[in-house]
C-alpha atoms as a PDB file:
ATOM      1  CA  MET A   1     132.516 112.932  89.736  1.00  0.00           C
ATOM      2  CA  VAL A   2     134.222 110.248  91.825  1.00  0.00           C
ATOM      3  CA  TYR A   3     134.460 108.944  95.385  1.00  0.00           C
ATOM      4  CA  LYS A   4     137.676 109.329  97.357  1.00  0.00           C
ATOM      5  CA  CYS A   5     137.054 106.085  99.292  1.00  0.00           C
ATOM      6  CA  THR A   6     134.207 103.700 100.040  1.00  0.00           C
ATOM      7  CA  TRP A   7     133.577 105.248 103.459  1.00  0.00           C
ATOM      8  CA  GLU A   8     132.789 108.464 101.604  1.00  0.00           C
ATOM      9  CA  SER A   9     130.275 106.578  99.471  1.00  0.00           C
ATOM     10  CA  GLY A  10     128.353 105.240 102.459  1.00  0.00           C
ATOM     11  CA  GLU A  11     128.929 101.720 101.126  1.00  0.00           C
ATOM     12  CA  ASP A  12     131.896 100.731 103.268  1.00  0.00           C
ATOM     13  CA  GLY A  13     134.124  98.137 101.610  1.00  0.00           C
ATOM     14  CA  ASN A  14     131.890  97.696  98.561  1.00  0.00           C
ATOM     15  CA  PRO A  15     133.837  95.735  95.883  1.00  0.00           C
ATOM     16  CA  ARG A  16     131.849  97.592  93.219  1.00  0.00           C
ATOM     17  CA  LEU A  17     133.869 100.644  94.133  1.00  0.00           C
ATOM     18  CA  ASP A  18     137.012  99.048  95.560  1.00  0.00           C
ATOM     19  CA  PRO A  19     138.034  95.433  94.781  1.00  0.00           C
ATOM     20  CA  SER A  20     140.271  95.441  97.877  1.00  0.00           C
ATOM     21  CA  CYS A  21     137.114  96.012  99.978  1.00  0.00           C
ATOM     22  CA  SER A  22     138.966  98.626 102.006  1.00  0.00           C
ATOM     23  CA  GLY A  23     137.128 101.503 103.578  1.00  0.00           C
ATOM     24  CA  ASP A  24     139.892 104.082 103.243  1.00  0.00           C
ATOM     25  CA  ALA A  25     141.797 103.188 100.059  1.00  0.00           C
ATOM     26  CA  ASP A  26     141.988 105.981  97.469  1.00  0.00           C
ATOM     27  CA  ILE A  27     139.635 104.961  94.637  1.00  0.00           C
ATOM     28  CA  SER A  28     139.269 108.366  92.990  1.00  0.00           C
ATOM     29  CA  SER A  29     141.087 107.353  89.795  1.00  0.00           C
ATOM     30  CA  ARG A  30     139.434 103.957  89.419  1.00  0.00           C
ATOM     31  CA  LEU A  31     135.724 104.328  88.723  1.00  0.00           C
ATOM     32  CA  ARG A  32     133.021 106.704  87.518  1.00  0.00           C
ATOM     33  CA  PRO A  33     129.956 105.662  89.535  1.00  0.00           C
ATOM     34  CA  VAL A  34     126.536 106.059  87.928  1.00  0.00           C
ATOM     35  CA  GLU A  35     124.911 107.572  90.998  1.00  0.00           C
ATOM     36  CA  LEU A  36     127.323 110.478  91.385  1.00  0.00           C
ATOM     37  CA  GLN A  37     126.826 111.719  87.841  1.00  0.00           C
ATOM     38  CA  ALA A  38     123.019 111.402  88.128  1.00  0.00           C
ATOM     39  CA  THR A  39     122.663 112.954  91.560  1.00  0.00           C
ATOM     40  CA  VAL A  40     124.951 115.902  90.754  1.00  0.00           C
ATOM     41  CA  ALA A  41     122.681 116.591  87.761  1.00  0.00           C
ATOM     42  CA  HIS A  42     119.676 116.298  90.066  1.00  0.00           C
ATOM     43  CA  ALA A  43     121.211 118.587  92.707  1.00  0.00           C
ATOM     44  CA  ALA A  44     122.071 121.212  90.088  1.00  0.00           C
ATOM     45  CA  ALA A  45     118.475 121.156  88.844  1.00  0.00           C
ATOM     46  CA  VAL A  46     117.268 121.711  92.418  1.00  0.00           C
ATOM     47  CA  LEU A  47     119.630 124.685  92.801  1.00  0.00           C
ATOM     48  CA  ALA A  48     118.424 126.142  89.493  1.00  0.00           C
ATOM     49  CA  PHE A  49     114.847 125.786  90.732  1.00  0.00           C
ATOM     50  CA  PHE A  50     115.561 127.602  93.992  1.00  0.00           C
ATOM     51  CA  ALA A  51     117.561 130.301  92.237  1.00  0.00           C
ATOM     52  CA  ALA A  52     114.563 131.006  90.010  1.00  0.00           C
ATOM     53  CA  GLU A  53     112.162 130.950  92.962  1.00  0.00           C
ATOM     54  CA  LEU A  54     114.348 133.383  94.906  1.00  0.00           C
ATOM     55  CA  GLY A  55     114.691 135.804  92.008  1.00  0.00           C
ATOM     56  CA  LEU A  56     118.381 135.003  91.465  1.00  0.00           C
ATOM     57  CA  ALA A  57     118.030 134.743  87.698  1.00  0.00           C
ATOM     58  CA  HIS A  58     121.749 135.317  87.143  1.00  0.00           C
ATOM     59  CA  ASP A  59     122.510 132.002  88.947  1.00  0.00           C
ATOM     60  CA  VAL A  60     120.139 129.859  86.888  1.00  0.00           C
ATOM     61  CA  PRO A  61     122.327 129.447  83.753  1.00  0.00           C
ATOM     62  CA  ARG A  62     125.263 128.281  85.857  1.00  0.00           C
ATOM     63  CA  TRP A  63     123.271 125.521  87.522  1.00  0.00           C
ATOM     64  CA  ARG A  64     121.557 124.532  84.280  1.00  0.00           C
ATOM     65  CA  GLN A  65     124.972 124.131  82.683  1.00  0.00           C
ATOM     66  CA  VAL A  66     126.090 121.844  85.517  1.00  0.00           C
ATOM     67  CA  GLU A  67     122.838 119.893  85.211  1.00  0.00           C
ATOM     68  CA  ASN A  68     123.254 119.453  81.453  1.00  0.00           C
ATOM     69  CA  ASP A  69     126.929 118.478  81.761  1.00  0.00           C
ATOM     70  CA  PHE A  70     126.233 115.768  84.316  1.00  0.00           C
ATOM     71  CA  ARG A  71     123.090 114.597  82.542  1.00  0.00           C
ATOM     72  CA  GLU A  72     125.297 113.922  79.513  1.00  0.00           C
ATOM     73  CA  ARG A  73     127.835 112.122  81.717  1.00  0.00           C
ATOM     74  CA  THR A  74     124.990 110.003  83.078  1.00  0.00           C
ATOM     75  CA  ARG A  75     123.760 109.142  79.595  1.00  0.00           C
ATOM     76  CA  GLN A  76     127.238 107.964  78.652  1.00  0.00           C
ATOM     77  CA  LEU A  77     126.955 105.320  81.358  1.00  0.00           C
ATOM     78  CA  PHE A  78     123.867 103.685  79.846  1.00  0.00           C
ATOM     79  CA  ASP A  79     124.710 100.365  78.206  1.00  0.00           C
ATOM     80  CA  PRO A  80     122.188  99.571  75.418  1.00  0.00           C
ATOM     81  CA  ALA A  81     123.438  95.984  75.249  1.00  0.00           C
ATOM     82  CA  THR A  82     122.262  95.254  78.803  1.00  0.00           C
ATOM     83  CA  GLY A  83     119.538  97.912  79.106  1.00  0.00           C
ATOM     84  CA  ARG A  84     120.934  99.443  82.287  1.00  0.00           C
ATOM     85  CA  TYR A  85     123.362 102.015  83.654  1.00  0.00           C
ATOM     86  CA  ARG A  86     126.825 100.718  84.500  1.00  0.00           C
ATOM     87  CA  ASP A  87     129.878 102.086  86.285  1.00  0.00           C
ATOM     88  CA  TRP A  88     132.847 102.992  84.080  1.00  0.00           C
ATOM     89  CA  LEU A  89     136.415 101.840  84.752  1.00  0.00           C
ATOM     90  CA  ILE A  90     138.574 104.912  84.151  1.00  0.00           C
ATOM     91  CA  GLY A  91     141.937 103.236  83.635  1.00  0.00           C
ATOM     92  CA  GLU A  92     140.574 100.508  81.376  1.00  0.00           C
ATOM     93  CA  ASP A  93     138.065 102.686  79.526  1.00  0.00           C
ATOM     94  CA  ARG A  94     135.228 100.179  79.683  1.00  0.00           C
ATOM     95  CA  PHE A  95     132.152  99.222  81.698  1.00  0.00           C
ATOM     96  CA  GLN A  96     132.777  97.316  84.905  1.00  0.00           C
ATOM     97  CA  GLU A  97     131.975  93.615  84.669  1.00  0.00           C
ATOM     98  CA  PRO A  98     130.346  91.437  87.356  1.00  0.00           C
ATOM     99  CA  CYS A  99     132.502  90.498  90.343  1.00  0.00           C
ATOM    100  CA  LEU A 100     131.009  87.209  91.474  1.00  0.00           C
ATOM    101  CA  ASP A 101     134.135  86.282  93.434  1.00  0.00           C
ATOM    102  CA  LYS A 102     133.501  89.139  95.888  1.00  0.00           C
ATOM    103  CA  LEU A 103     129.903  89.243  97.020  1.00  0.00           C
ATOM    104  CA  TYR A 104     128.583  92.175  99.034  1.00  0.00           C
ATOM    105  CA  TRP A 105     125.687  91.470 101.385  1.00  0.00           C
ATOM    106  CA  GLY A 106     125.220  88.221  99.456  1.00  0.00           C
ATOM    107  CA  VAL A 107     124.895  89.795  95.998  1.00  0.00           C
ATOM    108  CA  ASP A 108     127.136  90.820  93.136  1.00  0.00           C
ATOM    109  CA  ALA A 109     127.201  94.571  93.738  1.00  0.00           C
ATOM    110  CA  CYS A 110     128.982  95.114  90.413  1.00  0.00           C
ATOM    111  CA  ARG A 111     125.796  93.931  88.718  1.00  0.00           C
ATOM    112  CA  TYR A 112     123.106  94.887  91.224  1.00  0.00           C
ATOM    113  CA  SER A 113     123.074  98.273  92.950  1.00  0.00           C
ATOM    114  CA  ALA A 114     120.078 100.339  94.003  1.00  0.00           C
ATOM    115  CA  GLN A 115     122.218 103.380  93.233  1.00  0.00           C
ATOM    116  CA  SER A 116     122.201 102.471  89.533  1.00  0.00           C
ATOM    117  CA  LEU A 117     118.520 103.485  89.457  1.00  0.00           C
ATOM    118  CA  THR A 118     119.214 107.128  90.305  1.00  0.00           C
ATOM    119  CA  PRO A 119     119.161 108.337  86.650  1.00  0.00           C
ATOM    120  CA  LEU A 120     115.372 108.027  87.007  1.00  0.00           C
ATOM    121  CA  LEU A 121     115.523 111.036  89.355  1.00  0.00           C
ATOM    122  CA  ILE A 122     116.489 113.243  86.419  1.00  0.00           C
ATOM    123  CA  GLY A 123     113.991 111.699  84.010  1.00  0.00           C
ATOM    124  CA  GLU A 124     116.393 109.427  82.159  1.00  0.00           C
ATOM    125  CA  PRO A 125     114.765 106.181  80.943  1.00  0.00           C
ATOM    126  CA  LEU A 126     115.206 102.760  82.503  1.00  0.00           C
ATOM    127  CA  PRO A 127     113.071  99.617  82.073  1.00  0.00           C
ATOM    128  CA  ALA A 128     110.754  98.941  85.015  1.00  0.00           C
ATOM    129  CA  GLU A 129     112.045  95.361  85.193  1.00  0.00           C
ATOM    130  CA  GLU A 130     115.460  96.688  86.177  1.00  0.00           C
ATOM    131  CA  VAL A 131     113.898  98.622  89.058  1.00  0.00           C
ATOM    132  CA  TRP A 132     112.059  95.601  90.418  1.00  0.00           C
ATOM    133  CA  ARG A 133     115.220  93.506  90.326  1.00  0.00           C
ATOM    134  CA  HIS A 134     116.387  95.733  93.172  1.00  0.00           C
ATOM    135  CA  ALA A 135     113.190  95.703  95.246  1.00  0.00           C
ATOM    136  CA  VAL A 136     114.607  92.824  97.287  1.00  0.00           C
ATOM    137  CA  PRO A 137     117.241  92.323 100.018  1.00  0.00           C
ATOM    138  CA  PRO A 138     119.793  93.625 100.700  1.00  0.00           C
ATOM    139  CA  TRP A 139     118.538  96.893  99.184  1.00  0.00           C
ATOM    140  CA  THR A 140     115.300  96.749 101.186  1.00  0.00           C
ATOM    141  CA  LEU A 141     117.068  95.970 104.473  1.00  0.00           C
ATOM    142  CA  TRP A 142     118.962  99.260 104.753  1.00  0.00           C
ATOM    143  CA  PRO A 143     117.037 102.559 104.891  1.00  0.00           C
ATOM    144  CA  SER A 144     119.583 104.493 102.820  1.00  0.00           C
ATOM    145  CA  TRP A 145     119.350 102.037  99.926  1.00  0.00           C
ATOM    146  CA  THR A 146     115.578 101.860 100.313  1.00  0.00           C
ATOM    147  CA  VAL A 147     115.286 105.638  99.960  1.00  0.00           C
ATOM    148  CA  ALA A 148     117.339 105.587  96.753  1.00  0.00           C
ATOM    149  CA  LEU A 149     115.184 102.748  95.434  1.00  0.00           C
ATOM    150  CA  VAL A 150     111.742 104.160  96.231  1.00  0.00           C
ATOM    151  CA  GLU A 151     112.469 107.771  95.266  1.00  0.00           C
ATOM    152  CA  SER A 152     113.969 106.667  91.948  1.00  0.00           C
ATOM    153  CA  ALA A 153     110.984 104.416  91.238  1.00  0.00           C
ATOM    154  CA  ALA A 154     108.510 107.133  92.256  1.00  0.00           C
ATOM    155  CA  ALA A 155     110.189 109.552  89.850  1.00  0.00           C
ATOM    156  CA  ALA A 156     109.375 107.010  87.131  1.00  0.00           C
ATOM    157  CA  ALA A 157     105.710 106.910  88.333  1.00  0.00           C
ATOM    158  CA  LEU A 158     106.000 103.277  89.469  1.00  0.00           C
ATOM    159  CA  HIS A 159     103.738 104.072  92.396  1.00  0.00           C
ATOM    160  CA  ALA A 160     101.841 100.801  92.785  1.00  0.00           C
ATOM    161  CA  GLY A 161     104.915  98.616  93.182  1.00  0.00           C
ATOM    162  CA  ILE A 162     106.577 101.045  95.553  1.00  0.00           C
ATOM    163  CA  GLY A 163     103.414 101.216  97.669  1.00  0.00           C
ATOM    164  CA  ALA A 164     103.536  97.452  98.110  1.00  0.00           C
ATOM    165  CA  LEU A 165     107.201  97.624  99.108  1.00  0.00           C
ATOM    166  CA  ALA A 166     106.529 100.495 101.518  1.00  0.00           C
ATOM    167  CA  PHE A 167     103.707  98.573 103.198  1.00  0.00           C
ATOM    168  CA  GLU A 168     105.769  95.390 103.561  1.00  0.00           C
ATOM    169  CA  THR A 169     108.631  97.363 105.101  1.00  0.00           C
ATOM    170  CA  ILE A 170     106.460  99.416 107.459  1.00  0.00           C
ATOM    171  CA  ASP A 171     104.518  96.358 108.594  1.00  0.00           C
ATOM    172  CA  ARG A 172     107.692  94.373 109.271  1.00  0.00           C
ATOM    173  CA  VAL A 173     109.545  97.167 111.054  1.00  0.00           C
ATOM    174  CA  TYR A 174     106.661  98.555 113.131  1.00  0.00           C
ATOM    175  CA  ARG A 175     105.880  95.114 114.559  1.00  0.00           C
ATOM    176  CA  VAL A 176     109.310  95.287 116.179  1.00  0.00           C
ATOM    177  CA  THR A 177     109.730  98.977 116.963  1.00  0.00           C
ATOM    178  CA  THR A 178     106.246  99.410 118.458  1.00  0.00           C
ATOM    179  CA  ARG A 179     106.185  96.181 120.472  1.00  0.00           C
ATOM    180  CA  ARG A 180     105.208  96.532 124.139  1.00  0.00           C
ATOM    181  CA  GLU A 181     107.615  94.035 125.693  1.00  0.00           C
ATOM    182  CA  LEU A 182     111.356  93.383 125.912  1.00  0.00           C
ATOM    183  CA  GLY A 183     111.317  89.618 126.281  1.00  0.00           C
ATOM    184  CA  SER A 184     110.884  88.698 122.633  1.00  0.00           C
ATOM    185  CA  LEU A 185     114.024  90.530 121.419  1.00  0.00           C
ATOM    186  CA  ALA A 186     116.985  92.040 123.184  1.00  0.00           C
ATOM    187  CA  ARG A 187     117.405  94.697 120.495  1.00  0.00           C
ATOM    188  CA  PRO A 188     116.425  97.024 118.996  1.00  0.00           C
ATOM    189  CA  LEU A 189     114.670  98.718 121.898  1.00  0.00           C
ATOM    190  CA  PRO A 190     110.968  99.475 121.408  1.00  0.00           C
ATOM    191  CA  GLY A 191     110.322 103.038 120.325  1.00  0.00           C
ATOM    192  CA  SER A 192     113.721 103.454 118.701  1.00  0.00           C
ATOM    193  CA  ALA A 193     114.772 104.039 115.093  1.00  0.00           C
ATOM    194  CA  PRO A 194     116.955 101.017 114.228  1.00  0.00           C
ATOM    195  CA  GLU A 195     119.939 101.474 111.932  1.00  0.00           C
ATOM    196  CA  PHE A 196     118.744  98.765 109.544  1.00  0.00           C
ATOM    197  CA  TRP A 197     115.881  96.312 109.118  1.00  0.00           C
ATOM    198  CA  PRO A 198     117.136  92.696 108.969  1.00  0.00           C
ATOM    199  CA  ALA A 199     114.873  89.917 107.767  1.00  0.00           C
ATOM    200  CA  ASP A 200     115.619  88.093 111.028  1.00  0.00           C
ATOM    201  CA  TRP A 201     115.591  90.589 113.893  1.00  0.00           C
ATOM    202  CA  ARG A 202     117.428  88.134 116.139  1.00  0.00           C
ATOM    203  CA  THR A 203     120.536  88.949 114.093  1.00  0.00           C
ATOM    204  CA  TYR A 204     120.263  92.702 114.685  1.00  0.00           C
ATOM    205  CA  GLY A 205     123.563  94.318 115.648  1.00  0.00           C
ATOM    206  CA  GLY A 206     123.200  97.971 114.671  1.00  0.00           C
ATOM    207  CA  SER A 207     122.550 101.162 116.588  1.00  0.00           C
ATOM    208  CA  ASP A 208     119.159 101.559 118.253  1.00  0.00           C
ATOM    209  CA  ALA A 209     118.805 105.309 117.741  1.00  0.00           C
ATOM    210  CA  TYR A 210     119.805 106.077 114.171  1.00  0.00           C
ATOM    211  CA  GLY A 211     118.307 108.673 111.853  1.00  0.00           C
ATOM    212  CA  TRP A 212     117.967 106.274 108.935  1.00  0.00           C
ATOM    213  CA  GLY A 213     115.572 104.107 110.921  1.00  0.00           C
ATOM    214  CA  ALA A 214     112.951 106.868 110.855  1.00  0.00           C
ATOM    215  CA  THR A 215     112.689 106.387 107.087  1.00  0.00           C
ATOM    216  CA  THR A 216     109.531 104.366 107.725  1.00  0.00           C
ATOM    217  CA  ALA A 217     107.701 107.678 108.305  1.00  0.00           C
ATOM    218  CA  ASN A 218     108.875 108.781 104.861  1.00  0.00           C
ATOM    219  CA  LEU A 219     107.596 105.527 103.337  1.00  0.00           C
ATOM    220  CA  LEU A 220     104.232 105.897 105.062  1.00  0.00           C
ATOM    221  CA  ILE A 221     103.588 109.534 104.139  1.00  0.00           C
ATOM    222  CA  ARG A 222     105.166 109.774 100.690  1.00  0.00           C
ATOM    223  CA  HIS A 223     104.795 106.316  99.198  1.00  0.00           C
ATOM    224  CA  LEU A 224     101.833 104.582 100.868  1.00  0.00           C
ATOM    225  CA  PHE A 225      99.498 107.552 101.426  1.00  0.00           C
ATOM    226  CA  GLY A 226     101.297 109.283  98.566  1.00  0.00           C
ATOM    227  CA  PHE A 227     101.335 112.811  99.970  1.00  0.00           C
ATOM    228  CA  LYS A 228     104.201 114.665  98.286  1.00  0.00           C
ATOM    229  CA  GLU A 229     105.351 118.250  97.935  1.00  0.00           C
ATOM    230  CA  SER A 230     104.809 120.079  94.664  1.00  0.00           C
ATOM    231  CA  ARG A 231     107.233 122.287  92.757  1.00  0.00           C
ATOM    232  CA  VAL A 232     104.309 124.513  91.806  1.00  0.00           C
ATOM    233  CA  THR A 233     104.656 127.451  94.165  1.00  0.00           C
ATOM    234  CA  ASP A 234     101.977 129.897  93.031  1.00  0.00           C
ATOM    235  CA  GLY A 235      99.655 128.645  95.769  1.00  0.00           C
ATOM    236  CA  TRP A 236      98.883 125.708  98.061  1.00  0.00           C
ATOM    237  CA  VAL A 237      99.615 122.762  95.754  1.00  0.00           C
ATOM    238  CA  ALA A 238     100.525 119.160  96.620  1.00  0.00           C
ATOM    239  CA  GLU A 239     100.743 115.818  94.850  1.00  0.00           C
ATOM    240  CA  LEU A 240      98.722 112.726  95.772  1.00  0.00           C
ATOM    241  CA  THR A 241      99.884 109.278  94.657  1.00  0.00           C
ATOM    242  CA  PRO A 242      98.110 106.800  96.996  1.00  0.00           C
ATOM    243  CA  ALA A 243      99.433 103.283  96.491  1.00  0.00           C
ATOM    244  CA  PHE A 244      97.804 100.795  98.848  1.00  0.00           C
ATOM    245  CA  PRO A 245      98.635  97.110  98.280  1.00  0.00           C
ATOM    246  CA  THR A 246      95.944  94.517  97.681  1.00  0.00           C
ATOM    247  CA  ALA A 247      95.990  93.455 101.347  1.00  0.00           C
ATOM    248  CA  LEU A 248      94.682  96.898 102.355  1.00  0.00           C
ATOM    249  CA  LEU A 249      92.109  97.301  99.587  1.00  0.00           C
ATOM    250  CA  VAL A 250      89.192  95.947 101.626  1.00  0.00           C
ATOM    251  CA  ALA A 251      85.923  97.690 100.787  1.00  0.00           C
ATOM    252  CA  GLY A 252      84.825  99.982 103.598  1.00  0.00           C
ATOM    253  CA  GLN A 253      88.222 100.216 105.285  1.00  0.00           C
ATOM    254  CA  ARG A 254      89.420 103.735 106.107  1.00  0.00           C
ATOM    255  CA  TYR A 255      93.029 104.780 106.548  1.00  0.00           C
ATOM    256  CA  ALA A 256      93.989 108.185 107.914  1.00  0.00           C
ATOM    257  CA  MET A 257      96.874 110.426 108.923  1.00  0.00           C
ATOM    258  CA  ARG A 258      96.205 113.287 111.302  1.00  0.00           C
ATOM    259  CA  ARG A 259      97.804 116.706 111.754  1.00  0.00           C
ATOM    260  CA  LEU A 260      99.931 116.828 108.649  1.00  0.00           C
ATOM    261  CA  ASN A 261     101.638 120.201 108.178  1.00  0.00           C
ATOM    262  CA  TYR A 262     102.317 121.635 104.745  1.00  0.00           C
ATOM    263  CA  ARG A 263     102.743 125.217 103.555  1.00  0.00           C
ATOM    264  CA  GLY A 264     101.354 126.710 106.728  1.00  0.00           C
ATOM    265  CA  LEU A 265      98.247 124.528 106.886  1.00  0.00           C
ATOM    266  CA  GLN A 266      97.485 121.700 109.330  1.00  0.00           C
ATOM    267  CA  PHE A 267      95.080 119.022 108.082  1.00  0.00           C
ATOM    268  CA  ASP A 268      94.001 115.377 108.207  1.00  0.00           C
ATOM    269  CA  LEU A 269      94.097 113.122 105.136  1.00  0.00           C
ATOM    270  CA  SER A 270      92.153 109.871 104.853  1.00  0.00           C
ATOM    271  CA  TYR A 271      91.194 107.319 102.211  1.00  0.00           C
ATOM    272  CA  THR A 272      88.144 105.064 102.316  1.00  0.00           C
ATOM    273  CA  VAL A 273      88.286 101.985 100.110  1.00  0.00           C
ATOM    274  CA  LEU A 274      85.397 101.766  97.662  1.00  0.00           C
ATOM    275  CA  HIS A 275      84.863  99.257  94.865  1.00  0.00           C
ATOM    276  CA  GLY A 276      87.488 100.085  92.267  1.00  0.00           C
ATOM    277  CA  MET A 277      88.665 103.370  93.784  1.00  0.00           C
ATOM    278  CA  LEU A 278      89.518 105.345  96.915  1.00  0.00           C
ATOM    279  CA  LEU A 279      87.470 108.160  98.408  1.00  0.00           C
ATOM    280  CA  ALA A 280      89.935 110.793  99.644  1.00  0.00           C
ATOM    281  CA  GLU A 281      88.876 113.128 102.430  1.00  0.00           C
ATOM    282  CA  LEU A 282      90.675 116.288 103.433  1.00  0.00           C
ATOM    283  CA  ASP A 283      89.834 117.818 106.808  1.00  0.00           C
ATOM    284  CA  LEU A 284      91.361 121.298 106.997  1.00  0.00           C
ATOM    285  CA  ARG A 285      90.650 121.677 110.711  1.00  0.00           C
ATOM    286  CA  GLY A 286      88.512 124.795 110.504  1.00  0.00           C
ATOM    287  CA  SER A 287      90.386 126.527 107.657  1.00  0.00           C
ATOM    288  CA  PRO A 288      87.903 126.658 104.768  1.00  0.00           C
ATOM    289  CA  ARG A 289      89.353 126.616 101.262  1.00  0.00           C
ATOM    290  CA  GLN A 290      88.222 125.829  97.740  1.00  0.00           C
ATOM    291  CA  CYS A 291      89.599 122.535  96.473  1.00  0.00           C
ATOM    292  CA  THR A 292      90.568 121.495  92.940  1.00  0.00           C
ATOM    293  CA  VAL A 293      91.945 118.088  91.967  1.00  0.00           C
ATOM    294  CA  LEU A 294      93.605 117.428  88.613  1.00  0.00           C
ATOM    295  CA  ARG A 295      94.863 114.312  86.879  1.00  0.00           C
ATOM    296  CA  ALA A 296      97.316 114.777  83.989  1.00  0.00           C
ATOM    297  CA  GLY A 297      96.238 118.424  83.827  1.00  0.00           C
ATOM    298  CA  GLU A 298      92.506 117.656  83.614  1.00  0.00           C
ATOM    299  CA  VAL A 299      90.176 118.761  86.423  1.00  0.00           C
ATOM    300  CA  VAL A 300      88.503 115.751  88.043  1.00  0.00           C
ATOM    301  CA  HIS A 301      87.041 117.574  91.050  1.00  0.00           C
ATOM    302  CA  ALA A 302      86.354 121.222  91.857  1.00  0.00           C
ATOM    303  CA  SER A 303      84.439 122.498  94.866  1.00  0.00           C
ATOM    304  CA  ALA A 304      82.025 125.339  94.262  1.00  0.00           C
ATOM    305  CA  ASP A 305      82.436 126.871  97.720  1.00  0.00           C
ATOM    306  CA  ARG A 306      85.079 127.229 100.395  1.00  0.00           C
ATOM    307  CA  SER A 307      84.833 124.445 102.964  1.00  0.00           C
ATOM    308  CA  ALA A 308      86.954 122.954 105.738  1.00  0.00           C
ATOM    309  CA  ARG A 309      86.194 119.418 104.540  1.00  0.00           C
ATOM    310  CA  HIS A 310      86.485 118.004 101.027  1.00  0.00           C
ATOM    311  CA  GLN A 311      85.850 114.561  99.527  1.00  0.00           C
ATOM    312  CA  PHE A 312      86.852 113.365  96.067  1.00  0.00           C
ATOM    313  CA  PRO A 313      87.528 110.014  94.362  1.00  0.00           C
ATOM    314  CA  VAL A 314      91.048 108.982  93.342  1.00  0.00           C
ATOM    315  CA  ASP A 315      92.454 105.896  91.658  1.00  0.00           C
ATOM    316  CA  ASN A 316      94.882 103.805  93.642  1.00  0.00           C
ATOM    317  CA  GLY A 317      98.364 103.946  92.113  1.00  0.00           C
ATOM    318  CA  ALA A 318      97.660 107.070  90.032  1.00  0.00           C
ATOM    319  CA  ALA A 319      98.992 110.631  90.378  1.00  0.00           C
ATOM    320  CA  PHE A 320      96.852 113.673  91.175  1.00  0.00           C
ATOM    321  CA  GLU A 321      97.509 117.361  91.787  1.00  0.00           C
ATOM    322  CA  LEU A 322      95.710 118.881  94.755  1.00  0.00           C
ATOM    323  CA  ARG A 323      95.134 122.657  94.889  1.00  0.00           C
ATOM    324  CA  LEU A 324      93.601 124.711  97.686  1.00  0.00           C
ATOM    325  CA  ARG A 325      92.791 128.418  97.557  1.00  0.00           C
END
């Protein structure tokens, strides 16, 4: 799988993909990018999942074959000598080397790319140190790169580090987007979703109303509070991976989100910081259910009766399965 041009990649003029740094040059015969092989495998696995859920069993083998083919293509791009995934130069039949003479957003994009972490989405191994090398600008200044970074890291269960990154980003962006005056900055306008999140907001030159800018809500819900969907569909099942940074772990503090909607149920989710753990509270807003919480398949909490409110302890940075019935 290849890109036709760098505009198509969403990384306009990236020398990793096109040394000429053109947006529209045909690069389809030059490079096999890591992220396309990994994300096609991931997409095929998603389609196989939905085919099975929808009773389309005859479609599952097709999508599994695509998944397996592109998983193998992804594996071929892992370089044991460097311990990371690398793009492959088609014409020269070798891995692409660093391109220090053509920096992209101040970094060597031929060496560093948040997209190179995407094999984690399909369960392929990658050292955690390689992930954290990308948890810095410019990858954390653009929502699209940030999404690739945090979702890849979350797939590898690196919840604690991603929670810290999510908090730093949310704190920095919300101080600007929720400000109550115009005098401090000309742009972006308060209440808008800025196209990107520069370290110095005085340099901002993007669009004020841009879908990517709303990624902070994704960071808050999925990676700080850690509320995630589950692929278990035999009932009301969700995943909890709370990952509050040290700055928020003040005993007695309570953090809450109200009116979440998931699988037909509206509820509030809060965490109270205790010594060494979090006390989760689920308010089902008058819809009593029984509640079971599991960690690594082991039950850690089970309510005896149906109730509209449930409390249970969870460890910060760990993964739990939440079931209601």
